[in-house]
Amino acid sequence: MPSLAETLKGHRRAGHTITVFMPQYGLFSPQLERIKPPLNIDYPVIMAPCRWLPGLKAFRRICFRIGGGKNLWFPLRWILNMMVFLLFTAEITVVVLRWSRQKRQRPDIIYAHNQNSALAGYILKRLLHAPNVTRLYGTFLADLMQQPFVTLRYPVAAAGYRIPCNLLIVGNDGTRGDEVARKFNINPERFRFWQNGVDPPSAPPAISRAQFARNAPDNLRPDSIWICSCSRLSYWKRIDRILKALQVCRNAGGNAQILIAGEGPERSALKAMVDELSIASDVVWLGAMEHDRIWELMNICDIFMITNDVTNRCNPLYEAIYACLPIVSIIDRSTADLLSHDCNALLAPPDDIQQLGVHLLKLCNDPQLRRTLSAAQQKVAKTFWNWHERMVCEVRELEQLLH
């Protein structure tokens, strides 16, 4: 997760010593995915083995198959999520306490990243007598807050807000975490609602389209209009909208290709959809890419496209704006201050696939429009703060907790 990596780098730049504790496996992904600590870091990472997790994931997959591949029965999903949450809380708490005893030291601050760690952070605060911080990277609760028993129905998601902490930092990623905080009556004095930083390279990457194409899949056409999509291949990212819009564009004669950077659980379903839509020659699967290569991709593509559910306010969008790419997206209140139709983007209602395809075709056929939208991105990019500025604010807040 880029924002986590940048946060840790910001703490180290401030001269703080950090120790990271994380699970051996991703907690809530359908498959058993081993987490690999990042390379070239100057702080220790201690892995909690979570030996109970493979069995729980296997049981979840069995239940999913028995249910015909549909969503799990809600009470069963609730029980499984709570088991993961509580077992992880117990294990990470024990791992941290063991480390503290062996090192004969206690942390000055306990920083819980996301709701899954919030309860452990609070327990460790009480046992180690250190202030605790909870950091949330987004939420799905905003549209549910008018319904009854939200905390009971979604206890893990609510835990990040409900569990006491000295400072609650919520990412302004368009999921309206500030609204959720107000509904939960979070004290504004201990609440911060911040957008991620963006750090563009000092100069555009020195790579040409021809150089990129030499190492790309064989179906990439150097003479086509390149449309960039970069995200995890999860359902809520709605890559299906992009593929269907591409079909509309291609059927109308647009010479365009989608370059998809990312991996995830929806890859097989999306590849099947590509075959059904008869656009296999126009979809270039790049797989997971290092961040520096994403920058390269954005600086040689012609258009950026993003059509997420929930929110489109995210780092790839910020970076596309920094790269001055014209954008095709959906009408989304989370990006209302970033994307303006016919100014720096072309926007359509979320499920108006025909209009999305028409927008792609229009940009493919009109180089001047692409240049106009591209030039407008520079003004928007100036409103962003970089990660250094973002972390200076955070470090200042953390240091105040110690005084």
Protein backbone atom coordinates (compact mmCIF):
# COMPACT_ATOMS: atom_id res chain seq x y z
CA MET A 1 0.00 0.00 0.00
CA PRO A 2 1.76 3.21 -1.16
CA SER A 3 0.20 5.43 1.52
CA LEU A 4 1.43 3.10 4.30
CA ALA A 5 4.94 3.05 2.83
CA GLU A 6 4.99 6.86 2.55
CA THR A 7 3.74 7.21 6.12
CA LEU A 8 6.53 5.03 7.46
CA LYS A 9 9.11 6.90 5.38
CA GLY A 10 7.79 10.17 6.80
CA HIS A 11 8.24 8.92 10.35
CA ARG A 12 11.82 7.91 9.60
CA ARG A 13 12.58 11.27 7.94
CA ALA A 14 11.53 12.89 11.21
CA GLY A 15 14.16 10.82 13.03
CA HIS A 16 11.74 8.47 14.75
CA THR A 17 12.53 4.81 15.42
CA ILE A 18 9.76 2.50 14.28
CA THR A 19 9.01 -1.20 14.53
CA VAL A 20 6.30 -2.62 12.30
CA PHE A 21 4.12 -5.58 13.28
CA MET A 22 1.96 -7.17 10.61
CA PRO A 23 0.21 -10.47 9.83
CA GLN A 24 1.94 -13.16 7.79
CA TYR A 25 -1.04 -13.23 5.43
CA GLY A 26 -3.61 -10.77 4.12
CA LEU A 27 -6.53 -11.02 6.53
CA PHE A 28 -9.56 -10.56 4.30
CA SER A 29 -8.53 -11.52 0.76
CA PRO A 30 -10.32 -14.66 -0.51
CA GLN A 31 -7.07 -16.52 -1.13
CA LEU A 32 -4.18 -17.11 1.24
CA GLU A 33 -1.80 -14.34 0.17
CA ARG A 34 1.50 -14.13 2.00
CA ILE A 35 2.57 -10.57 2.84
CA LYS A 36 6.14 -9.75 1.93
CA PRO A 37 7.88 -6.96 3.86
CA PRO A 38 9.16 -4.22 1.55
CA LEU A 39 12.78 -4.30 0.47
CA ASN A 40 15.41 -1.67 1.29
CA ILE A 41 13.86 -0.49 4.55
CA ASP A 42 15.70 0.71 7.64
CA TYR A 43 13.30 -0.52 10.29
CA PRO A 44 12.43 -4.01 11.58
CA VAL A 45 9.26 -5.80 10.47
CA ILE A 46 7.96 -8.52 12.78
CA MET A 47 5.44 -10.93 11.28
CA ALA A 48 2.61 -12.46 13.31
CA PRO A 49 2.33 -16.05 11.97
CA CYS A 50 -1.51 -16.23 12.10
CA ARG A 51 -1.49 -20.04 11.86
CA TRP A 52 -5.24 -20.05 12.42
CA LEU A 53 -5.92 -18.02 9.27
CA PRO A 54 -5.45 -20.70 6.55
CA GLY A 55 -8.14 -22.87 8.15
CA LEU A 56 -10.59 -19.98 8.39
CA LYS A 57 -9.98 -18.97 4.78
CA ALA A 58 -10.47 -22.58 3.63
CA PHE A 59 -13.77 -22.74 5.55
CA ARG A 60 -14.88 -19.46 3.96
CA ARG A 61 -14.12 -20.79 0.47
CA ILE A 62 -16.09 -23.99 1.17
CA CYS A 63 -19.09 -21.94 2.35
CA PHE A 64 -18.78 -19.75 -0.73
CA ARG A 65 -18.86 -22.77 -3.06
CA ILE A 66 -21.80 -24.34 -1.17
CA GLY A 67 -23.66 -21.07 -1.64
CA GLY A 68 -23.25 -21.29 -5.41
CA GLY A 69 -20.49 -18.69 -5.64
CA LYS A 70 -22.70 -15.89 -4.33
CA ASN A 71 -22.13 -13.67 -1.31
CA LEU A 72 -21.94 -15.48 2.00
CA TRP A 73 -25.05 -15.52 4.16
CA PHE A 74 -24.75 -12.30 6.19
CA PRO A 75 -24.77 -13.89 9.70
CA LEU A 76 -22.05 -16.33 8.62
CA ARG A 77 -19.97 -13.52 7.11
CA TRP A 78 -20.43 -11.52 10.33
CA ILE A 79 -19.19 -14.44 12.43
CA LEU A 80 -16.18 -15.12 10.20
CA ASN A 81 -15.16 -11.46 10.09
CA MET A 82 -15.43 -11.17 13.86
CA MET A 83 -13.38 -14.33 14.35
CA VAL A 84 -10.61 -12.93 12.13
CA PHE A 85 -10.79 -9.57 13.89
CA LEU A 86 -10.63 -10.99 17.42
CA LEU A 87 -8.04 -13.67 16.68
CA PHE A 88 -5.80 -11.14 14.98
CA THR A 89 -6.27 -8.73 17.89
CA ALA A 90 -5.19 -11.42 20.36
CA GLU A 91 -2.21 -12.54 18.28
CA ILE A 92 -0.80 -9.13 17.42
CA THR A 93 -1.20 -8.05 21.05
CA VAL A 94 0.78 -11.07 22.25
CA VAL A 95 3.47 -10.53 19.61
CA VAL A 96 3.96 -6.89 20.60
CA LEU A 97 4.02 -7.69 24.34
CA ARG A 98 6.58 -10.44 23.76
CA TRP A 99 8.75 -8.04 21.75
CA SER A 100 8.44 -5.38 24.48
CA ARG A 101 9.49 -7.85 27.17
CA GLN A 102 12.42 -9.23 25.16
CA LYS A 103 13.71 -5.75 24.23
CA ARG A 104 12.97 -4.40 27.70
CA GLN A 105 11.41 -1.32 26.22
CA ARG A 106 7.98 0.04 25.50
CA PRO A 107 6.84 2.15 22.57
CA ASP A 108 6.27 5.87 22.96
CA ILE A 109 3.29 5.71 20.59
CA ILE A 110 1.19 2.80 19.36
CA TYR A 111 0.01 3.41 15.79
CA ALA A 112 -2.76 1.09 14.58
CA HIS A 113 -3.13 1.03 10.81
CA ASN A 114 -6.78 0.39 9.82
CA GLN A 115 -9.76 -0.86 11.79
CA ASN A 116 -8.44 -4.42 12.10
CA SER A 117 -5.67 -3.18 14.39
CA ALA A 118 -7.68 -0.63 16.37
CA LEU A 119 -8.65 -2.90 19.26
CA ALA A 120 -5.12 -4.26 19.62
CA GLY A 121 -3.86 -0.67 19.64
CA TYR A 122 -6.21 0.22 22.49
CA ILE A 123 -5.35 -2.88 24.55
CA LEU A 124 -1.62 -2.17 24.11
CA LYS A 125 -2.20 1.45 25.11
CA ARG A 126 -3.66 0.25 28.41
CA LEU A 127 -0.99 -2.40 29.04
CA LEU A 128 2.06 -0.39 27.93
CA HIS A 129 0.85 3.04 29.06
CA ALA A 130 1.45 4.73 25.70
CA PRO A 131 -0.86 6.95 23.62
CA ASN A 132 -2.53 5.23 20.67
CA VAL A 133 -3.28 6.46 17.16
CA THR A 134 -5.74 4.85 14.75
CA ARG A 135 -5.32 5.43 11.02
CA LEU A 136 -8.18 4.58 8.64
CA TYR A 137 -7.67 4.45 4.89
CA GLY A 138 -11.34 4.60 3.86
CA THR A 139 -14.77 3.32 4.82
CA PHE A 140 -17.96 1.95 3.29
CA LEU A 141 -20.15 3.11 6.19
CA ALA A 142 -21.15 6.58 4.96
CA ASP A 143 -24.25 5.46 3.04
CA LEU A 144 -25.28 3.12 5.87
CA MET A 145 -25.21 5.59 8.76
CA GLN A 146 -28.94 6.34 8.52
CA GLN A 147 -29.77 2.68 9.07
CA PRO A 148 -30.27 1.18 12.55
CA PHE A 149 -27.64 -0.82 14.46
CA VAL A 150 -24.73 0.06 12.14
CA THR A 151 -22.13 -0.75 14.81
CA LEU A 152 -23.77 -4.10 15.55
CA ARG A 153 -24.13 -5.04 11.88
CA TYR A 154 -20.65 -3.90 10.81
CA PRO A 155 -18.59 -4.09 14.01
CA VAL A 156 -15.17 -4.38 12.36
CA ALA A 157 -15.69 -1.35 10.13
CA ALA A 158 -17.10 0.62 13.06
CA ALA A 159 -14.26 -0.42 15.36
CA GLY A 160 -11.86 2.08 13.80
CA TYR A 161 -14.17 4.91 14.89
CA ARG A 162 -15.65 3.48 18.07
CA ILE A 163 -12.55 2.18 19.84
CA PRO A 164 -10.97 4.96 21.94
CA CYS A 165 -7.72 6.51 20.74
CA ASN A 166 -5.73 9.66 21.38
CA LEU A 167 -5.76 10.60 17.69
CA LEU A 168 -7.90 9.34 14.81
CA ILE A 169 -6.54 10.00 11.30
CA VAL A 170 -8.94 9.27 8.44
CA GLY A 171 -7.94 9.46 4.79
CA ASN A 172 -9.89 11.92 2.64
CA ASP A 173 -10.28 9.43 -0.19
CA GLY A 174 -13.85 10.26 -1.15
CA THR A 175 -15.52 7.65 1.05
CA ARG A 176 -16.75 10.45 3.37
CA GLY A 177 -15.02 9.31 6.52
CA ASP A 178 -15.62 12.76 8.01
CA GLU A 179 -19.38 12.22 7.78
CA VAL A 180 -19.04 8.88 9.55
CA ALA A 181 -16.95 10.49 12.29
CA ARG A 182 -19.63 13.13 12.88
CA LYS A 183 -22.35 10.46 13.06
CA PHE A 184 -20.28 8.59 15.64
CA ASN A 185 -19.77 11.85 17.59
CA ILE A 186 -16.00 11.72 17.36
CA ASN A 187 -14.38 14.59 19.26
CA PRO A 188 -13.07 17.01 16.58
CA GLU A 189 -10.01 17.78 18.72
CA ARG A 190 -8.73 14.25 18.24
CA PHE A 191 -9.86 13.83 14.63
CA ARG A 192 -7.86 14.62 11.46
CA PHE A 193 -9.22 14.23 7.93
CA TRP A 194 -6.33 14.40 5.49
CA GLN A 195 -5.82 13.68 1.81
CA ASN A 196 -2.84 11.58 0.79
CA GLY A 197 0.27 13.25 -0.52
CA VAL A 198 1.52 12.84 -4.07
CA ASP A 199 5.19 12.80 -5.02
CA PRO A 200 5.71 13.09 -8.75
CA PRO A 201 9.21 12.50 -10.11
CA SER A 202 11.35 15.62 -10.53
CA ALA A 203 11.24 15.05 -14.30
CA PRO A 204 9.07 12.88 -16.57
CA PRO A 205 10.48 9.34 -16.88
CA ALA A 206 12.92 9.10 -19.77
CA ILE A 207 11.20 6.33 -21.69
CA SER A 208 9.58 6.39 -25.11
CA ARG A 209 6.50 4.51 -26.28
CA ALA A 210 8.70 2.41 -28.54
CA GLN A 211 10.93 1.43 -25.59
CA PHE A 212 7.92 0.57 -23.45
CA ALA A 213 6.34 -1.47 -26.24
CA ARG A 214 9.46 -3.63 -26.62
CA ASN A 215 8.89 -5.12 -23.15
CA ALA A 216 5.08 -5.11 -23.26
CA PRO A 217 2.69 -7.89 -24.35
CA ASP A 218 2.73 -8.61 -28.07
CA ASN A 219 -0.73 -7.19 -28.76
CA LEU A 220 0.26 -3.62 -27.80
CA ARG A 221 0.05 -1.44 -30.92
CA PRO A 222 2.38 1.58 -30.91
CA ASP A 223 0.06 3.49 -33.28
CA SER A 224 -3.10 3.13 -31.17
CA ILE A 225 -4.44 5.54 -28.54
CA TRP A 226 -3.27 4.18 -25.18
CA ILE A 227 -5.78 4.34 -22.33
CA CYS A 228 -4.31 3.76 -18.87
CA SER A 229 -6.12 1.92 -16.08
CA CYS A 230 -4.24 1.08 -12.90
CA SER A 231 -5.86 -0.47 -9.84
CA ARG A 232 -6.29 -3.71 -8.00
CA LEU A 233 -8.60 -5.96 -9.99
CA SER A 234 -11.40 -6.03 -7.41
CA TYR A 235 -15.11 -5.88 -8.19
CA TRP A 236 -15.68 -2.39 -6.77
CA LYS A 237 -13.00 -0.99 -9.08
CA ARG A 238 -15.48 -1.71 -11.92
CA ILE A 239 -12.99 -2.46 -14.67
CA ASP A 240 -15.99 -4.04 -16.43
CA ARG A 241 -17.30 -0.55 -17.20
CA ILE A 242 -14.01 0.37 -18.82
CA LEU A 243 -14.00 -2.77 -20.96
CA LYS A 244 -17.58 -2.23 -22.14
CA ALA A 245 -16.83 1.42 -22.93
CA LEU A 246 -13.82 0.32 -24.94
CA GLN A 247 -16.06 -1.99 -26.97
CA VAL A 248 -18.36 0.95 -27.77
CA CYS A 249 -15.37 3.02 -28.83
CA ARG A 250 -13.85 0.28 -30.98
CA ASN A 251 -17.16 -0.60 -32.66
CA ALA A 252 -17.42 3.06 -33.68
CA GLY A 253 -13.98 2.93 -35.28
CA GLY A 254 -11.78 4.29 -32.50
CA ASN A 255 -8.20 3.01 -32.61
CA ALA A 256 -7.78 2.56 -28.86
CA GLN A 257 -6.32 0.05 -26.44
CA ILE A 258 -6.71 -0.27 -22.68
CA LEU A 259 -3.46 -0.88 -20.79
CA ILE A 260 -4.44 -2.48 -17.48
CA ALA A 261 -1.86 -2.36 -14.70
CA GLY A 262 -2.84 -4.44 -11.68
CA GLU A 263 -3.70 -7.86 -10.34
CA GLY A 264 -6.51 -9.15 -8.18
CA PRO A 265 -9.33 -11.63 -7.68
CA GLU A 266 -11.40 -10.38 -10.65
CA ARG A 267 -8.73 -11.06 -13.29
CA SER A 268 -10.22 -14.35 -14.54
CA ALA A 269 -13.74 -12.92 -14.76
CA LEU A 270 -12.47 -9.83 -16.56
CA LYS A 271 -10.49 -11.88 -19.06
CA ALA A 272 -13.62 -13.92 -19.76
CA MET A 273 -15.55 -10.70 -20.32
CA VAL A 274 -12.87 -9.48 -22.75
CA ASP A 275 -13.37 -12.64 -24.81
CA GLU A 276 -17.17 -12.24 -24.73
CA LEU A 277 -16.87 -8.63 -25.91
CA SER A 278 -14.43 -9.65 -28.69
CA ILE A 279 -11.88 -7.01 -27.66
CA ALA A 280 -8.98 -9.30 -26.70
CA SER A 281 -6.64 -7.61 -29.18
CA ASP A 282 -7.43 -4.21 -27.62
CA VAL A 283 -6.80 -5.09 -23.95
CA VAL A 284 -3.18 -5.19 -22.79
CA TRP A 285 -2.70 -6.95 -19.44
CA LEU A 286 0.41 -5.54 -17.75
CA GLY A 287 -0.01 -7.22 -14.36
CA ALA A 288 1.19 -5.70 -11.10
CA MET A 289 3.75 -2.94 -11.63
CA GLU A 290 6.23 -1.10 -9.41
CA HIS A 291 5.25 2.47 -8.63
CA ASP A 292 8.03 3.95 -10.75
CA ARG A 293 6.78 1.96 -13.74
CA ILE A 294 3.26 3.31 -13.17
CA TRP A 295 4.74 6.78 -13.54
CA GLU A 296 6.37 5.69 -16.78
CA LEU A 297 3.08 4.30 -18.03
CA MET A 298 1.16 7.47 -17.26
CA ASN A 299 3.70 9.63 -19.02
CA ILE A 300 3.43 7.70 -22.29
CA CYS A 301 -0.32 7.02 -22.32
CA ASP A 302 -2.85 9.32 -23.98
CA ILE A 303 -5.87 8.99 -21.66
CA PHE A 304 -6.55 7.87 -18.08
CA MET A 305 -9.81 6.11 -17.22
CA ILE A 306 -11.29 5.34 -13.79
CA THR A 307 -14.88 4.22 -13.03
CA ASN A 308 -14.84 2.89 -9.44
CA ASP A 309 -17.83 2.34 -7.24
CA VAL A 310 -17.73 3.96 -3.77
CA THR A 311 -15.02 6.53 -4.65
CA ASN A 312 -12.71 7.57 -7.45
CA ARG A 313 -10.68 9.89 -5.23
CA CYS A 314 -7.46 7.90 -4.95
CA ASN A 315 -3.73 8.04 -5.60
CA PRO A 316 -3.93 6.82 -9.23
CA LEU A 317 -6.27 9.73 -10.01
CA TYR A 318 -3.94 12.23 -8.32
CA GLU A 319 -1.00 10.84 -10.24
CA ALA A 320 -2.88 10.93 -13.55
CA ILE A 321 -3.64 14.61 -12.89
CA TYR A 322 0.04 15.23 -12.13
CA ALA A 323 0.92 13.46 -15.38
CA CYS A 324 -1.49 15.85 -17.19
CA LEU A 325 -3.53 13.03 -18.69
CA PRO A 326 -7.02 13.80 -19.99
CA ILE A 327 -9.44 11.75 -17.92
CA VAL A 328 -12.60 9.80 -18.66
CA SER A 329 -14.55 8.98 -15.51
CA ILE A 330 -17.99 8.85 -13.95
CA ILE A 331 -19.94 11.58 -12.18
CA ASP A 332 -18.89 11.12 -8.55
CA ARG A 333 -19.30 13.66 -5.77
CA SER A 334 -16.03 12.50 -4.21
CA THR A 335 -14.15 13.96 -7.19
CA ALA A 336 -16.35 17.01 -7.80
CA ASP A 337 -13.53 19.38 -6.79
CA LEU A 338 -10.97 17.54 -8.94
CA LEU A 339 -12.73 16.67 -12.20
CA SER A 340 -14.79 19.10 -14.23
CA HIS A 341 -16.62 17.97 -17.36
CA ASP A 342 -15.22 19.48 -20.56
CA CYS A 343 -12.48 21.18 -18.54
CA ASN A 344 -10.00 18.49 -17.48
CA ALA A 345 -12.20 15.41 -17.90
CA LEU A 346 -15.14 13.90 -19.73
CA LEU A 347 -17.73 12.51 -17.30
CA ALA A 348 -20.77 10.26 -17.62
CA PRO A 349 -23.32 8.75 -15.22
CA PRO A 350 -21.93 5.61 -13.57
CA ASP A 351 -23.86 3.07 -15.64
CA ASP A 352 -24.08 4.98 -18.92
CA ILE A 353 -21.65 2.74 -20.77
CA GLN A 354 -22.64 4.18 -24.14
CA GLN A 355 -21.71 7.70 -23.04
CA LEU A 356 -18.41 6.54 -21.56
CA GLY A 357 -17.61 4.89 -24.88
CA VAL A 358 -18.57 8.04 -26.79
CA HIS A 359 -16.23 10.06 -24.55
CA LEU A 360 -13.37 7.68 -25.35
CA LEU A 361 -14.11 7.91 -29.05
CA LYS A 362 -14.22 11.71 -28.88
CA LEU A 363 -10.80 11.87 -27.23
CA CYS A 364 -9.35 9.30 -29.62
CA ASN A 365 -10.41 11.35 -32.63
CA ASP A 366 -9.62 14.84 -31.30
CA PRO A 367 -5.94 15.50 -30.44
CA GLN A 368 -6.69 19.16 -29.69
CA LEU A 369 -9.29 18.18 -27.08
CA ARG A 370 -6.73 15.89 -25.46
CA ARG A 371 -4.25 18.77 -25.31
CA THR A 372 -6.86 21.14 -23.83
CA LEU A 373 -7.86 18.73 -21.07
CA SER A 374 -4.22 17.93 -20.41
CA ALA A 375 -3.27 21.59 -19.98
CA ALA A 376 -6.11 22.08 -17.48
CA GLN A 377 -4.65 19.43 -15.17
CA GLN A 378 -1.74 21.66 -14.17
CA LYS A 379 -3.99 24.00 -12.20
CA VAL A 380 -5.58 21.10 -10.31
CA ALA A 381 -2.19 19.51 -9.54
CA LYS A 382 -1.06 22.69 -7.77
CA THR A 383 -3.72 22.12 -5.09
CA PHE A 384 -2.15 18.82 -3.94
CA TRP A 385 0.36 18.53 -1.14
CA ASN A 386 3.32 16.20 -1.43
CA TRP A 387 4.08 13.43 1.04
CA HIS A 388 6.72 15.49 2.81
CA GLU A 389 4.18 18.24 3.54
CA ARG A 390 1.55 15.69 4.54
CA MET A 391 3.88 13.89 6.94
CA VAL A 392 5.23 17.08 8.52
CA CYS A 393 1.67 17.75 9.68
CA GLU A 394 1.25 14.22 10.99
CA VAL A 395 4.58 14.10 12.79
CA ARG A 396 3.78 17.40 14.50
CA GLU A 397 0.51 15.94 15.77
CA LEU A 398 2.18 12.75 17.01
CA GLU A 399 4.90 14.62 18.86
CA GLN A 400 2.26 16.70 20.63
CA LEU A 401 0.85 13.49 22.09
CA LEU A 402 4.08 13.04 24.02
CA HIS A 403 3.96 16.42 25.73
